[in-house]
Amino acid sequence: MSEPGNKIICLLVCLGLPALSGCKSYWIDTNVVNQTGRPIHELEVDYPSASFGTNSLAPGATFHYRFQVRDSGPVKVGYISPDGKTIHADGIELNEQMQGQLVIRLLPEDKVDFIPSWNPSHGGK
């Protein structure tokens, strides 16, 4: 085979190896739903190795965020209520390679529900 032909074959093999290696990104789609009946401020969701949030969330509004878990640990939520009270809630444990959906419902009386829906073939239970 000619020299240029070998280079093309080598290039095709090298480009195809990542696809054959089974590399996969695991994502958790999260919706934080404000069901408190009042606006909240300074929403922060902490998860292993990172966090996300928004400055405010109106009553009935949903904040969507998609993330990857890079470590193990709990999900934690914090926000400020309209009367200036800081609310904190500890949630479920997350592990690397978990994939699925997580709904975090902010409820009246400073309660928070964590509702997971994991893909069981990707680390979820």
PDB file of N, CA and C in Angstrom:
ATOM      1  N   MET A   1       0.847  -1.171   0.000  1.00  0.00           N
ATOM      2  CA  MET A   1       0.000   0.000   0.000  1.00  0.00           C
ATOM      3  C   MET A   1       0.891   1.232   0.000  1.00  0.00           C
ATOM      4  N   SER A   2       0.446   2.283  -0.625  1.00  0.00           N
ATOM      5  CA  SER A   2       1.256   3.489  -0.734  1.00  0.00           C
ATOM      6  C   SER A   2       1.302   4.241   0.587  1.00  0.00           C
ATOM      7  N   GLU A   3       2.255   5.118   0.693  1.00  0.00           N
ATOM      8  CA  GLU A   3       2.443   5.944   1.901  1.00  0.00           C
ATOM      9  C   GLU A   3       1.191   6.764   2.228  1.00  0.00           C
ATOM     10  N   PRO A   4       0.574   7.499   1.285  1.00  0.00           N
ATOM     11  CA  PRO A   4      -0.643   8.256   1.606  1.00  0.00           C
ATOM     12  C   PRO A   4      -1.786   7.355   2.073  1.00  0.00           C
ATOM     13  N   GLY A   5      -1.891   6.151   1.530  1.00  0.00           N
ATOM     14  CA  GLY A   5      -2.935   5.219   1.949  1.00  0.00           C
ATOM     15  C   GLY A   5      -2.773   4.809   3.404  1.00  0.00           C
ATOM     16  N   ASN A   6      -1.540   4.580   3.833  1.00  0.00           N
ATOM     17  CA  ASN A   6      -1.284   4.232   5.236  1.00  0.00           C
ATOM     18  C   ASN A   6      -1.669   5.367   6.176  1.00  0.00           C
ATOM     19  N   LYS A   7      -1.413   6.585   5.756  1.00  0.00           N
ATOM     20  CA  LYS A   7      -1.748   7.749   6.589  1.00  0.00           C
ATOM     21  C   LYS A   7      -3.269   7.866   6.750  1.00  0.00           C
ATOM     22  N   ILE A   8      -3.991   7.603   5.683  1.00  0.00           N
ATOM     23  CA  ILE A   8      -5.455   7.687   5.753  1.00  0.00           C
ATOM     24  C   ILE A   8      -6.002   6.609   6.679  1.00  0.00           C
ATOM     25  N   ILE A   9      -5.506   5.390   6.570  1.00  0.00           N
ATOM     26  CA  ILE A   9      -5.963   4.303   7.435  1.00  0.00           C
ATOM     27  C   ILE A   9      -5.649   4.620   8.893  1.00  0.00           C
ATOM     28  N   CYS A  10      -4.436   5.106   9.138  1.00  0.00           N
ATOM     29  CA  CYS A  10      -4.041   5.473  10.501  1.00  0.00           C
ATOM     30  C   CYS A  10      -4.969   6.558  11.057  1.00  0.00           C
ATOM     31  N   LEU A  11      -5.279   7.554  10.245  1.00  0.00           N
ATOM     32  CA  LEU A  11      -6.167   8.635  10.669  1.00  0.00           C
ATOM     33  C   LEU A  11      -7.562   8.107  10.997  1.00  0.00           C
ATOM     34  N   LEU A  12      -8.093   7.235  10.155  1.00  0.00           N
ATOM     35  CA  LEU A  12      -9.420   6.674  10.399  1.00  0.00           C
ATOM     36  C   LEU A  12      -9.451   5.832  11.675  1.00  0.00           C
ATOM     37  N   VAL A  13      -8.419   5.055  11.915  1.00  0.00           N
ATOM     38  CA  VAL A  13      -8.353   4.238  13.123  1.00  0.00           C
ATOM     39  C   VAL A  13      -8.275   5.128  14.357  1.00  0.00           C
ATOM     40  N   CYS A  14      -7.433   6.152  14.305  1.00  0.00           N
ATOM     41  CA  CYS A  14      -7.276   7.047  15.455  1.00  0.00           C
ATOM     42  C   CYS A  14      -8.571   7.805  15.757  1.00  0.00           C
ATOM     43  N   LEU A  15      -9.275   8.227  14.731  1.00  0.00           N
ATOM     44  CA  LEU A  15     -10.532   8.942  14.938  1.00  0.00           C
ATOM     45  C   LEU A  15     -11.626   8.022  15.458  1.00  0.00           C
ATOM     46  N   GLY A  16     -11.577   6.766  15.093  1.00  0.00           N
ATOM     47  CA  GLY A  16     -12.608   5.818  15.505  1.00  0.00           C
ATOM     48  C   GLY A  16     -12.411   5.263  16.890  1.00  0.00           C
ATOM     49  N   LEU A  17     -11.209   5.321  17.453  1.00  0.00           N
ATOM     50  CA  LEU A  17     -10.953   4.735  18.766  1.00  0.00           C
ATOM     51  C   LEU A  17     -11.792   5.345  19.888  1.00  0.00           C
ATOM     52  N   PRO A  18     -11.931   6.679  19.959  1.00  0.00           N
ATOM     53  CA  PRO A  18     -12.774   7.204  21.039  1.00  0.00           C
ATOM     54  C   PRO A  18     -14.212   6.691  20.982  1.00  0.00           C
ATOM     55  N   ALA A  19     -14.747   6.506  19.792  1.00  0.00           N
ATOM     56  CA  ALA A  19     -16.118   6.004  19.669  1.00  0.00           C
ATOM     57  C   ALA A  19     -16.218   4.566  20.156  1.00  0.00           C
ATOM     58  N   LEU A  20     -15.164   3.787  19.974  1.00  0.00           N
ATOM     59  CA  LEU A  20     -15.171   2.390  20.391  1.00  0.00           C
ATOM     60  C   LEU A  20     -14.879   2.215  21.877  1.00  0.00           C
ATOM     61  N   SER A  21     -14.314   3.232  22.500  1.00  0.00           N
ATOM     62  CA  SER A  21     -13.907   3.094  23.898  1.00  0.00           C
ATOM     63  C   SER A  21     -15.088   3.146  24.866  1.00  0.00           C
ATOM     64  N   GLY A  22     -16.248   3.550  24.406  1.00  0.00           N
ATOM     65  CA  GLY A  22     -17.429   3.567  25.267  1.00  0.00           C
ATOM     66  C   GLY A  22     -17.488   4.763  26.201  1.00  0.00           C
ATOM     67  N   CYS A  23     -16.784   5.817  25.899  1.00  0.00           N
ATOM     68  CA  CYS A  23     -16.823   7.013  26.736  1.00  0.00           C
ATOM     69  C   CYS A  23     -18.246   7.557  26.749  1.00  0.00           C
ATOM     70  N   LYS A  24     -18.697   7.928  27.926  1.00  0.00           N
ATOM     71  CA  LYS A  24     -20.068   8.411  28.086  1.00  0.00           C
ATOM     72  C   LYS A  24     -20.091   9.521  29.107  1.00  0.00           C
ATOM     73  N   SER A  25     -20.824  10.556  28.831  1.00  0.00           N
ATOM     74  CA  SER A  25     -21.039  11.615  29.800  1.00  0.00           C
ATOM     75  C   SER A  25     -22.371  11.364  30.491  1.00  0.00           C
ATOM     76  N   TYR A  26     -22.354  11.377  31.804  1.00  0.00           N
ATOM     77  CA  TYR A  26     -23.561  11.153  32.585  1.00  0.00           C
ATOM     78  C   TYR A  26     -24.072  12.495  33.076  1.00  0.00           C
ATOM     79  N   TRP A  27     -25.345  12.772  32.830  1.00  0.00           N
ATOM     80  CA  TRP A  27     -25.941  14.060  33.172  1.00  0.00           C
ATOM     81  C   TRP A  27     -27.131  13.878  34.088  1.00  0.00           C
ATOM     82  N   ILE A  28     -27.331  14.880  34.938  1.00  0.00           N
ATOM     83  CA  ILE A  28     -28.541  14.944  35.755  1.00  0.00           C
ATOM     84  C   ILE A  28     -29.267  16.224  35.366  1.00  0.00           C
ATOM     85  N   ASP A  29     -30.472  16.062  34.831  1.00  0.00           N
ATOM     86  CA  ASP A  29     -31.333  17.200  34.510  1.00  0.00           C
ATOM     87  C   ASP A  29     -32.114  17.552  35.768  1.00  0.00           C
ATOM     88  N   THR A  30     -31.971  18.792  36.204  1.00  0.00           N
ATOM     89  CA  THR A  30     -32.592  19.214  37.464  1.00  0.00           C
ATOM     90  C   THR A  30     -33.568  20.348  37.221  1.00  0.00           C
ATOM     91  N   ASN A  31     -34.723  20.251  37.855  1.00  0.00           N
ATOM     92  CA  ASN A  31     -35.696  21.336  37.883  1.00  0.00           C
ATOM     93  C   ASN A  31     -35.943  21.717  39.332  1.00  0.00           C
ATOM     94  N   VAL A  32     -35.714  22.993  39.651  1.00  0.00           N
ATOM     95  CA  VAL A  32     -36.036  23.523  40.977  1.00  0.00           C
ATOM     96  C   VAL A  32     -37.342  24.289  40.811  1.00  0.00           C
ATOM     97  N   VAL A  33     -38.383  23.851  41.532  1.00  0.00           N
ATOM     98  CA  VAL A  33     -39.723  24.417  41.380  1.00  0.00           C
ATOM     99  C   VAL A  33     -40.092  25.174  42.656  1.00  0.00           C
ATOM    100  N   ASN A  34     -40.440  26.437  42.509  1.00  0.00           N
ATOM    101  CA  ASN A  34     -40.839  27.249  43.662  1.00  0.00           C
ATOM    102  C   ASN A  34     -42.340  27.089  43.906  1.00  0.00           C
ATOM    103  N   GLN A  35     -42.674  26.237  44.870  1.00  0.00           N
ATOM    104  CA  GLN A  35     -44.071  26.034  45.255  1.00  0.00           C
ATOM    105  C   GLN A  35     -44.352  26.625  46.637  1.00  0.00           C
ATOM    106  N   THR A  36     -43.530  27.599  47.038  1.00  0.00           N
ATOM    107  CA  THR A  36     -43.713  28.231  48.355  1.00  0.00           C
ATOM    108  C   THR A  36     -44.884  29.195  48.371  1.00  0.00           C
ATOM    109  N   GLY A  37     -45.302  29.657  47.193  1.00  0.00           N
ATOM    110  CA  GLY A  37     -46.365  30.655  47.117  1.00  0.00           C
ATOM    111  C   GLY A  37     -45.823  32.067  47.240  1.00  0.00           C
ATOM    112  N   ARG A  38     -44.507  32.199  47.374  1.00  0.00           N
ATOM    113  CA  ARG A  38     -43.884  33.515  47.498  1.00  0.00           C
ATOM    114  C   ARG A  38     -42.580  33.540  46.695  1.00  0.00           C
ATOM    115  N   PRO A  39     -42.128  34.712  46.304  1.00  0.00           N
ATOM    116  CA  PRO A  39     -40.853  34.776  45.593  1.00  0.00           C
ATOM    117  C   PRO A  39     -39.697  34.458  46.548  1.00  0.00           C
ATOM    118  N   ILE A  40     -38.664  33.836  46.021  1.00  0.00           N
ATOM    119  CA  ILE A  40     -37.475  33.571  46.830  1.00  0.00           C
ATOM    120  C   ILE A  40     -36.274  34.249  46.157  1.00  0.00           C
ATOM    121  N   HIS A  41     -35.202  34.396  46.929  1.00  0.00           N
ATOM    122  CA  HIS A  41     -34.009  35.071  46.427  1.00  0.00           C
ATOM    123  C   HIS A  41     -32.766  34.264  46.777  1.00  0.00           C
ATOM    124  N   GLU A  42     -31.721  34.507  46.002  1.00  0.00           N
ATOM    125  CA  GLU A  42     -30.405  33.897  46.237  1.00  0.00           C
ATOM    126  C   GLU A  42     -30.479  32.372  46.341  1.00  0.00           C
ATOM    127  N   LEU A  43     -31.154  31.745  45.402  1.00  0.00           N
ATOM    128  CA  LEU A  43     -31.239  30.286  45.358  1.00  0.00           C
ATOM    129  C   LEU A  43     -29.876  29.708  45.008  1.00  0.00           C
ATOM    130  N   GLU A  44     -29.410  28.743  45.787  1.00  0.00           N
ATOM    131  CA  GLU A  44     -28.167  28.045  45.495  1.00  0.00           C
ATOM    132  C   GLU A  44     -28.352  26.557  45.741  1.00  0.00           C
ATOM    133  N   VAL A  45     -27.964  25.758  44.756  1.00  0.00           N
ATOM    134  CA  VAL A  45     -27.988  24.307  44.868  1.00  0.00           C
ATOM    135  C   VAL A  45     -26.540  23.830  44.798  1.00  0.00           C
ATOM    136  N   ASP A  46     -26.077  23.207  45.871  1.00  0.00           N
ATOM    137  CA  ASP A  46     -24.724  22.650  45.912  1.00  0.00           C
ATOM    138  C   ASP A  46     -24.805  21.158  45.649  1.00  0.00           C
ATOM    139  N   TYR A  47     -23.899  20.667  44.841  1.00  0.00           N
ATOM    140  CA  TYR A  47     -23.782  19.236  44.581  1.00  0.00           C
ATOM    141  C   TYR A  47     -22.291  18.912  44.587  1.00  0.00           C
ATOM    142  N   PRO A  48     -21.914  17.650  44.628  1.00  0.00           N
ATOM    143  CA  PRO A  48     -20.492  17.322  44.741  1.00  0.00           C
ATOM    144  C   PRO A  48     -19.642  18.030  43.687  1.00  0.00           C
ATOM    145  N   SER A  49     -18.731  18.845  44.129  1.00  0.00           N
ATOM    146  CA  SER A  49     -17.707  19.554  43.359  1.00  0.00           C
ATOM    147  C   SER A  49     -18.180  20.829  42.659  1.00  0.00           C
ATOM    148  N   ALA A  50     -19.437  21.250  42.801  1.00  0.00           N
ATOM    149  CA  ALA A  50     -19.872  22.482  42.146  1.00  0.00           C
ATOM    150  C   ALA A  50     -21.220  22.951  42.711  1.00  0.00           C
ATOM    151  N   SER A  51     -21.735  24.045  42.128  1.00  0.00           N
ATOM    152  CA  SER A  51     -23.046  24.559  42.534  1.00  0.00           C
ATOM    153  C   SER A  51     -23.644  25.357  41.379  1.00  0.00           C
ATOM    154  N   PHE A  52     -24.944  25.640  41.492  1.00  0.00           N
ATOM    155  CA  PHE A  52     -25.630  26.490  40.531  1.00  0.00           C
ATOM    156  C   PHE A  52     -26.730  27.222  41.266  1.00  0.00           C
ATOM    157  N   GLY A  53     -27.311  28.219  40.612  1.00  0.00           N
ATOM    158  CA  GLY A  53     -28.392  28.955  41.251  1.00  0.00           C
ATOM    159  C   GLY A  53     -28.868  30.121  40.416  1.00  0.00           C
ATOM    160  N   THR A  54     -29.702  30.939  41.059  1.00  0.00           N
ATOM    161  CA  THR A  54     -30.259  32.116  40.410  1.00  0.00           C
ATOM    162  C   THR A  54     -30.553  33.174  41.475  1.00  0.00           C
ATOM    163  N   ASN A  55     -30.607  34.427  41.059  1.00  0.00           N
ATOM    164  CA  ASN A  55     -30.848  35.520  42.005  1.00  0.00           C
ATOM    165  C   ASN A  55     -32.251  35.513  42.574  1.00  0.00           C
ATOM    166  N   SER A  56     -33.231  35.118  41.764  1.00  0.00           N
ATOM    167  CA  SER A  56     -34.602  35.095  42.260  1.00  0.00           C
ATOM    168  C   SER A  56     -35.410  34.061  41.493  1.00  0.00           C
ATOM    169  N   LEU A  57     -36.475  33.604  42.137  1.00  0.00           N
ATOM    170  CA  LEU A  57     -37.369  32.636  41.509  1.00  0.00           C
ATOM    171  C   LEU A  57     -38.793  32.971  41.958  1.00  0.00           C
ATOM    172  N   ALA A  58     -39.632  33.323  40.995  1.00  0.00           N
ATOM    173  CA  ALA A  58     -41.011  33.729  41.282  1.00  0.00           C
ATOM    174  C   ALA A  58     -41.841  32.535  41.741  1.00  0.00           C
ATOM    175  N   PRO A  59     -42.956  32.797  42.438  1.00  0.00           N
ATOM    176  CA  PRO A  59     -43.841  31.704  42.831  1.00  0.00           C
ATOM    177  C   PRO A  59     -44.344  30.957  41.595  1.00  0.00           C
ATOM    178  N   GLY A  60     -44.280  29.637  41.647  1.00  0.00           N
ATOM    179  CA  GLY A  60     -44.727  28.814  40.534  1.00  0.00           C
ATOM    180  C   GLY A  60     -43.702  28.639  39.426  1.00  0.00           C
ATOM    181  N   ALA A  61     -42.583  29.343  39.499  1.00  0.00           N
ATOM    182  CA  ALA A  61     -41.569  29.272  38.446  1.00  0.00           C
ATOM    183  C   ALA A  61     -40.654  28.062  38.643  1.00  0.00           C
ATOM    184  N   THR A  62     -40.039  27.633  37.549  1.00  0.00           N
ATOM    185  CA  THR A  62     -39.100  26.506  37.557  1.00  0.00           C
ATOM    186  C   THR A  62     -37.761  26.976  37.014  1.00  0.00           C
ATOM    187  N   PHE A  63     -36.699  26.578  37.692  1.00  0.00           N
ATOM    188  CA  PHE A  63     -35.337  26.849  37.237  1.00  0.00           C
ATOM    189  C   PHE A  63     -34.720  25.525  36.812  1.00  0.00           C
ATOM    190  N   HIS A  64     -34.269  25.452  35.560  1.00  0.00           N
ATOM    191  CA  HIS A  64     -33.711  24.219  35.006  1.00  0.00           C
ATOM    192  C   HIS A  64     -32.192  24.325  34.945  1.00  0.00           C
ATOM    193  N   TYR A  65     -31.513  23.216  35.276  1.00  0.00           N
ATOM    194  CA  TYR A  65     -30.053  23.165  35.184  1.00  0.00           C
ATOM    195  C   TYR A  65     -29.642  21.719  34.944  1.00  0.00           C
ATOM    196  N   ARG A  66     -28.613  21.542  34.149  1.00  0.00           N
ATOM    197  CA  ARG A  66     -28.111  20.206  33.821  1.00  0.00           C
ATOM    198  C   ARG A  66     -26.649  20.140  34.254  1.00  0.00           C
ATOM    199  N   PHE A  67     -26.281  19.076  34.978  1.00  0.00           N
ATOM    200  CA  PHE A  67     -24.915  18.988  35.475  1.00  0.00           C
ATOM    201  C   PHE A  67     -24.411  17.557  35.506  1.00  0.00           C
ATOM    202  N   GLN A  68     -23.095  17.436  35.663  1.00  0.00           N
ATOM    203  CA  GLN A  68     -22.429  16.147  35.821  1.00  0.00           C
ATOM    204  C   GLN A  68     -21.909  16.053  37.249  1.00  0.00           C
ATOM    205  N   VAL A  69     -21.988  14.873  37.828  1.00  0.00           N
ATOM    206  CA  VAL A  69     -21.460  14.636  39.165  1.00  0.00           C
ATOM    207  C   VAL A  69     -20.017  14.170  39.011  1.00  0.00           C
ATOM    208  N   ARG A  70     -19.084  14.856  39.647  1.00  0.00           N
ATOM    209  CA  ARG A  70     -17.659  14.534  39.542  1.00  0.00           C
ATOM    210  C   ARG A  70     -17.099  13.918  40.817  1.00  0.00           C
ATOM    211  N   ASP A  71     -17.956  13.692  41.803  1.00  0.00           N
ATOM    212  CA  ASP A  71     -17.522  13.177  43.091  1.00  0.00           C
ATOM    213  C   ASP A  71     -18.747  12.564  43.763  1.00  0.00           C
ATOM    214  N   SER A  72     -18.660  12.267  45.035  1.00  0.00           N
ATOM    215  CA  SER A  72     -19.810  11.755  45.786  1.00  0.00           C
ATOM    216  C   SER A  72     -20.153  12.732  46.901  1.00  0.00           C
ATOM    217  N   GLY A  73     -21.437  12.826  47.213  1.00  0.00           N
ATOM    218  CA  GLY A  73     -21.867  13.689  48.298  1.00  0.00           C
ATOM    219  C   GLY A  73     -23.316  14.092  48.147  1.00  0.00           C
ATOM    220  N   PRO A  74     -23.809  14.866  49.128  1.00  0.00           N
ATOM    221  CA  PRO A  74     -25.218  15.249  49.115  1.00  0.00           C
ATOM    222  C   PRO A  74     -25.501  16.475  48.248  1.00  0.00           C
ATOM    223  N   VAL A  75     -26.753  16.591  47.857  1.00  0.00           N
ATOM    224  CA  VAL A  75     -27.273  17.814  47.251  1.00  0.00           C
ATOM    225  C   VAL A  75     -27.754  18.681  48.407  1.00  0.00           C
ATOM    226  N   LYS A  76     -27.422  19.964  48.382  1.00  0.00           N
ATOM    227  CA  LYS A  76     -27.876  20.898  49.414  1.00  0.00           C
ATOM    228  C   LYS A  76     -28.508  22.102  48.734  1.00  0.00           C
ATOM    229  N   VAL A  77     -29.573  22.620  49.342  1.00  0.00           N
ATOM    230  CA  VAL A  77     -30.291  23.768  48.797  1.00  0.00           C
ATOM    231  C   VAL A  77     -30.330  24.864  49.839  1.00  0.00           C
ATOM    232  N   GLY A  78     -30.147  26.080  49.377  1.00  0.00           N
ATOM    233  CA  GLY A  78     -30.292  27.242  50.245  1.00  0.00           C
ATOM    234  C   GLY A  78     -30.951  28.379  49.485  1.00  0.00           C
ATOM    235  N   TYR A  79     -31.749  29.162  50.188  1.00  0.00           N
ATOM    236  CA  TYR A  79     -32.360  30.350  49.580  1.00  0.00           C
ATOM    237  C   TYR A  79     -32.809  31.294  50.687  1.00  0.00           C
ATOM    238  N   ILE A  80     -33.177  32.504  50.289  1.00  0.00           N
ATOM    239  CA  ILE A  80     -33.661  33.506  51.238  1.00  0.00           C
ATOM    240  C   ILE A  80     -35.138  33.735  50.971  1.00  0.00           C
ATOM    241  N   SER A  81     -35.938  33.599  52.018  1.00  0.00           N
ATOM    242  CA  SER A  81     -37.380  33.802  51.907  1.00  0.00           C
ATOM    243  C   SER A  81     -37.690  35.301  51.869  1.00  0.00           C
ATOM    244  N   PRO A  82     -38.926  35.688  51.503  1.00  0.00           N
ATOM    245  CA  PRO A  82     -39.277  37.108  51.424  1.00  0.00           C
ATOM    246  C   PRO A  82     -39.124  37.855  52.759  1.00  0.00           C
ATOM    247  N   ASP A  83     -39.233  37.134  53.881  1.00  0.00           N
ATOM    248  CA  ASP A  83     -39.071  37.800  55.180  1.00  0.00           C
ATOM    249  C   ASP A  83     -37.610  37.848  55.632  1.00  0.00           C
ATOM    250  N   GLY A  84     -36.672  37.474  54.730  1.00  0.00           N
ATOM    251  CA  GLY A  84     -35.251  37.569  55.020  1.00  0.00           C
ATOM    252  C   GLY A  84     -34.650  36.365  55.718  1.00  0.00           C
ATOM    253  N   LYS A  85     -35.420  35.332  55.915  1.00  0.00           N
ATOM    254  CA  LYS A  85     -34.940  34.125  56.581  1.00  0.00           C
ATOM    255  C   LYS A  85     -34.154  33.259  55.592  1.00  0.00           C
ATOM    256  N   THR A  86     -32.990  32.759  56.029  1.00  0.00           N
ATOM    257  CA  THR A  86     -32.197  31.865  55.198  1.00  0.00           C
ATOM    258  C   THR A  86     -32.645  30.431  55.446  1.00  0.00           C
ATOM    259  N   ILE A  87     -33.021  29.744  54.370  1.00  0.00           N
ATOM    260  CA  ILE A  87     -33.511  28.373  54.439  1.00  0.00           C
ATOM    261  C   ILE A  87     -32.418  27.447  53.899  1.00  0.00           C
ATOM    262  N   HIS A  88     -32.153  26.359  54.612  1.00  0.00           N
ATOM    263  CA  HIS A  88     -31.188  25.345  54.174  1.00  0.00           C
ATOM    264  C   HIS A  88     -31.851  23.977  54.235  1.00  0.00           C
ATOM    265  N   ALA A  89     -31.543  23.138  53.260  1.00  0.00           N
ATOM    266  CA  ALA A  89     -32.047  21.760  53.264  1.00  0.00           C
ATOM    267  C   ALA A  89     -30.992  20.840  52.671  1.00  0.00           C
ATOM    268  N   ASP A  90     -30.760  19.719  53.331  1.00  0.00           N
ATOM    269  CA  ASP A  90     -29.864  18.686  52.815  1.00  0.00           C
ATOM    270  C   ASP A  90     -30.699  17.637  52.111  1.00  0.00           C
ATOM    271  N   GLY A  91     -30.208  17.200  50.953  1.00  0.00           N
ATOM    272  CA  GLY A  91     -30.970  16.252  50.150  1.00  0.00           C
ATOM    273  C   GLY A  91     -30.299  14.911  50.022  1.00  0.00           C
ATOM    274  N   ILE A  92     -30.493  14.326  48.875  1.00  0.00           N
ATOM    275  CA  ILE A  92     -30.044  12.964  48.603  1.00  0.00           C
ATOM    276  C   ILE A  92     -28.554  12.921  48.260  1.00  0.00           C
ATOM    277  N   GLU A  93     -27.982  11.732  48.375  1.00  0.00           N
ATOM    278  CA  GLU A  93     -26.578  11.502  48.007  1.00  0.00           C
ATOM    279  C   GLU A  93     -26.468  11.272  46.504  1.00  0.00           C
ATOM    280  N   LEU A  94     -25.440  11.878  45.915  1.00  0.00           N
ATOM    281  CA  LEU A  94     -25.145  11.661  44.503  1.00  0.00           C
ATOM    282  C   LEU A  94     -23.788  10.999  44.371  1.00  0.00           C
ATOM    283  N   ASN A  95     -23.641  10.189  43.336  1.00  0.00           N
ATOM    284  CA  ASN A  95     -22.388   9.521  43.030  1.00  0.00           C
ATOM    285  C   ASN A  95     -22.074   9.706  41.555  1.00  0.00           C
ATOM    286  N   GLU A  96     -20.788   9.582  41.221  1.00  0.00           N
ATOM    287  CA  GLU A  96     -20.394   9.665  39.819  1.00  0.00           C
ATOM    288  C   GLU A  96     -21.142   8.616  39.005  1.00  0.00           C
ATOM    289  N   GLN A  97     -21.366   8.917  37.770  1.00  0.00           N
ATOM    290  CA  GLN A  97     -22.046   8.061  36.791  1.00  0.00           C
ATOM    291  C   GLN A  97     -23.541   7.905  37.060  1.00  0.00           C
ATOM    292  N   MET A  98     -24.105   8.712  37.948  1.00  0.00           N
ATOM    293  CA  MET A  98     -25.569   8.724  38.072  1.00  0.00           C
ATOM    294  C   MET A  98     -26.109   9.522  36.896  1.00  0.00           C
ATOM    295  N   GLN A  99     -27.241   9.071  36.390  1.00  0.00           N
ATOM    296  CA  GLN A  99     -27.860   9.747  35.261  1.00  0.00           C
ATOM    297  C   GLN A  99     -29.366   9.697  35.435  1.00  0.00           C
ATOM    298  N   GLY A 100     -30.026  10.804  35.115  1.00  0.00           N
ATOM    299  CA  GLY A 100     -31.473  10.845  35.201  1.00  0.00           C
ATOM    300  C   GLY A 100     -31.965  12.247  35.461  1.00  0.00           C
ATOM    301  N   GLN A 101     -33.045  12.317  36.248  1.00  0.00           N
ATOM    302  CA  GLN A 101     -33.663  13.601  36.546  1.00  0.00           C
ATOM    303  C   GLN A 101     -33.827  13.764  38.044  1.00  0.00           C
ATOM    304  N   LEU A 102     -33.778  15.026  38.456  1.00  0.00           N
ATOM    305  CA  LEU A 102     -33.982  15.372  39.850  1.00  0.00           C
ATOM    306  C   LEU A 102     -34.875  16.597  39.909  1.00  0.00           C
ATOM    307  N   VAL A 103     -35.997  16.465  40.613  1.00  0.00           N
ATOM    308  CA  VAL A 103     -36.880  17.599  40.848  1.00  0.00           C
ATOM    309  C   VAL A 103     -36.690  18.012  42.299  1.00  0.00           C
ATOM    310  N   ILE A 104     -36.442  19.293  42.496  1.00  0.00           N
ATOM    311  CA  ILE A 104     -36.325  19.856  43.842  1.00  0.00           C
ATOM    312  C   ILE A 104     -37.495  20.807  44.013  1.00  0.00           C
ATOM    313  N   ARG A 105     -38.410  20.445  44.904  1.00  0.00           N
ATOM    314  CA  ARG A 105     -39.607  21.272  45.132  1.00  0.00           C
ATOM    315  C   ARG A 105     -39.418  22.080  46.413  1.00  0.00           C
ATOM    316  N   LEU A 106     -39.471  23.398  46.277  1.00  0.00           N
ATOM    317  CA  LEU A 106     -39.425  24.290  47.425  1.00  0.00           C
ATOM    318  C   LEU A 106     -40.868  24.503  47.867  1.00  0.00           C
ATOM    319  N   LEU A 107     -41.181  24.087  49.082  1.00  0.00           N
ATOM    320  CA  LEU A 107     -42.558  24.038  49.568  1.00  0.00           C
ATOM    321  C   LEU A 107     -42.813  25.069  50.666  1.00  0.00           C
ATOM    322  N   PRO A 108     -44.086  25.328  50.980  1.00  0.00           N
ATOM    323  CA  PRO A 108     -44.393  26.209  52.105  1.00  0.00           C
ATOM    324  C   PRO A 108     -43.796  25.664  53.413  1.00  0.00           C
ATOM    325  N   GLU A 109     -43.713  26.532  54.394  1.00  0.00           N
ATOM    326  CA  GLU A 109     -43.205  26.191  55.727  1.00  0.00           C
ATOM    327  C   GLU A 109     -41.751  25.714  55.680  1.00  0.00           C
ATOM    328  N   ASP A 110     -40.986  26.257  54.733  1.00  0.00           N
ATOM    329  CA  ASP A 110     -39.538  26.004  54.632  1.00  0.00           C
ATOM    330  C   ASP A 110     -39.188  24.536  54.381  1.00  0.00           C
ATOM    331  N   LYS A 111     -40.074  23.795  53.770  1.00  0.00           N
ATOM    332  CA  LYS A 111     -39.810  22.389  53.459  1.00  0.00           C
ATOM    333  C   LYS A 111     -39.282  22.271  52.028  1.00  0.00           C
ATOM    334  N   VAL A 112     -38.489  21.222  51.795  1.00  0.00           N
ATOM    335  CA  VAL A 112     -37.918  20.962  50.472  1.00  0.00           C
ATOM    336  C   VAL A 112     -38.030  19.473  50.189  1.00  0.00           C
ATOM    337  N   ASP A 113     -38.564  19.133  49.021  1.00  0.00           N
ATOM    338  CA  ASP A 113     -38.633  17.738  48.565  1.00  0.00           C
ATOM    339  C   ASP A 113     -37.603  17.519  47.469  1.00  0.00           C
ATOM    340  N   PHE A 114     -36.932  16.378  47.525  1.00  0.00           N
ATOM    341  CA  PHE A 114     -35.990  15.956  46.489  1.00  0.00           C
ATOM    342  C   PHE A 114     -36.582  14.705  45.845  1.00  0.00           C
ATOM    343  N   ILE A 115     -36.916  14.781  44.564  1.00  0.00           N
ATOM    344  CA  ILE A 115     -37.583  13.675  43.882  1.00  0.00           C
ATOM    345  C   ILE A 115     -36.704  13.217  42.712  1.00  0.00           C
ATOM    346  N   PRO A 116     -35.933  12.132  42.922  1.00  0.00           N
ATOM    347  CA  PRO A 116     -35.068  11.641  41.848  1.00  0.00           C
ATOM    348  C   PRO A 116     -35.787  10.644  40.949  1.00  0.00           C
ATOM    349  N   SER A 117     -35.313  10.573  39.729  1.00  0.00           N
ATOM    350  CA  SER A 117     -35.751   9.565  38.770  1.00  0.00           C
ATOM    351  C   SER A 117     -34.502   9.149  38.002  1.00  0.00           C
ATOM    352  N   TRP A 118     -33.819   8.120  38.515  1.00  0.00           N
ATOM    353  CA  TRP A 118     -32.528   7.712  37.954  1.00  0.00           C
ATOM    354  C   TRP A 118     -32.701   6.652  36.880  1.00  0.00           C
ATOM    355  N   ASN A 119     -31.776   6.662  35.957  1.00  0.00           N
ATOM    356  CA  ASN A 119     -31.658   5.596  34.980  1.00  0.00           C
ATOM    357  C   ASN A 119     -30.869   4.482  35.685  1.00  0.00           C
ATOM    358  N   PRO A 120     -31.468   3.370  36.055  1.00  0.00           N
ATOM    359  CA  PRO A 120     -30.801   2.359  36.860  1.00  0.00           C
ATOM    360  C   PRO A 120     -29.561   1.749  36.229  1.00  0.00           C
ATOM    361  N   SER A 121     -29.426   1.801  34.933  1.00  0.00           N
ATOM    362  CA  SER A 121     -28.232   1.228  34.308  1.00  0.00           C
ATOM    363  C   SER A 121     -27.029   2.164  34.398  1.00  0.00           C
ATOM    364  N   HIS A 122     -27.232   3.353  34.991  1.00  0.00           N
ATOM    365  CA  HIS A 122     -26.140   4.318  35.083  1.00  0.00           C
ATOM    366  C   HIS A 122     -25.927   4.768  36.533  1.00  0.00           C
ATOM    367  N   GLY A 123     -25.868   3.861  37.469  1.00  0.00           N
ATOM    368  CA  GLY A 123     -25.505   4.198  38.822  1.00  0.00           C
ATOM    369  C   GLY A 123     -26.643   4.610  39.721  1.00  0.00           C
ATOM    370  N   GLY A 124     -27.815   4.842  39.176  1.00  0.00           N
ATOM    371  CA  GLY A 124     -28.956   5.242  39.999  1.00  0.00           C
ATOM    372  C   GLY A 124     -29.612   4.069  40.666  1.00  0.00           C
ATOM    373  N   LYS A 125     -30.384   4.333  41.680  1.00  0.00           N
ATOM    374  CA  LYS A 125     -31.093   3.282  42.414  1.00  0.00           C
ATOM    375  C   LYS A 125     -32.551   3.585  42.470  1.00  0.00           C
TER     376      LYS A 125
END
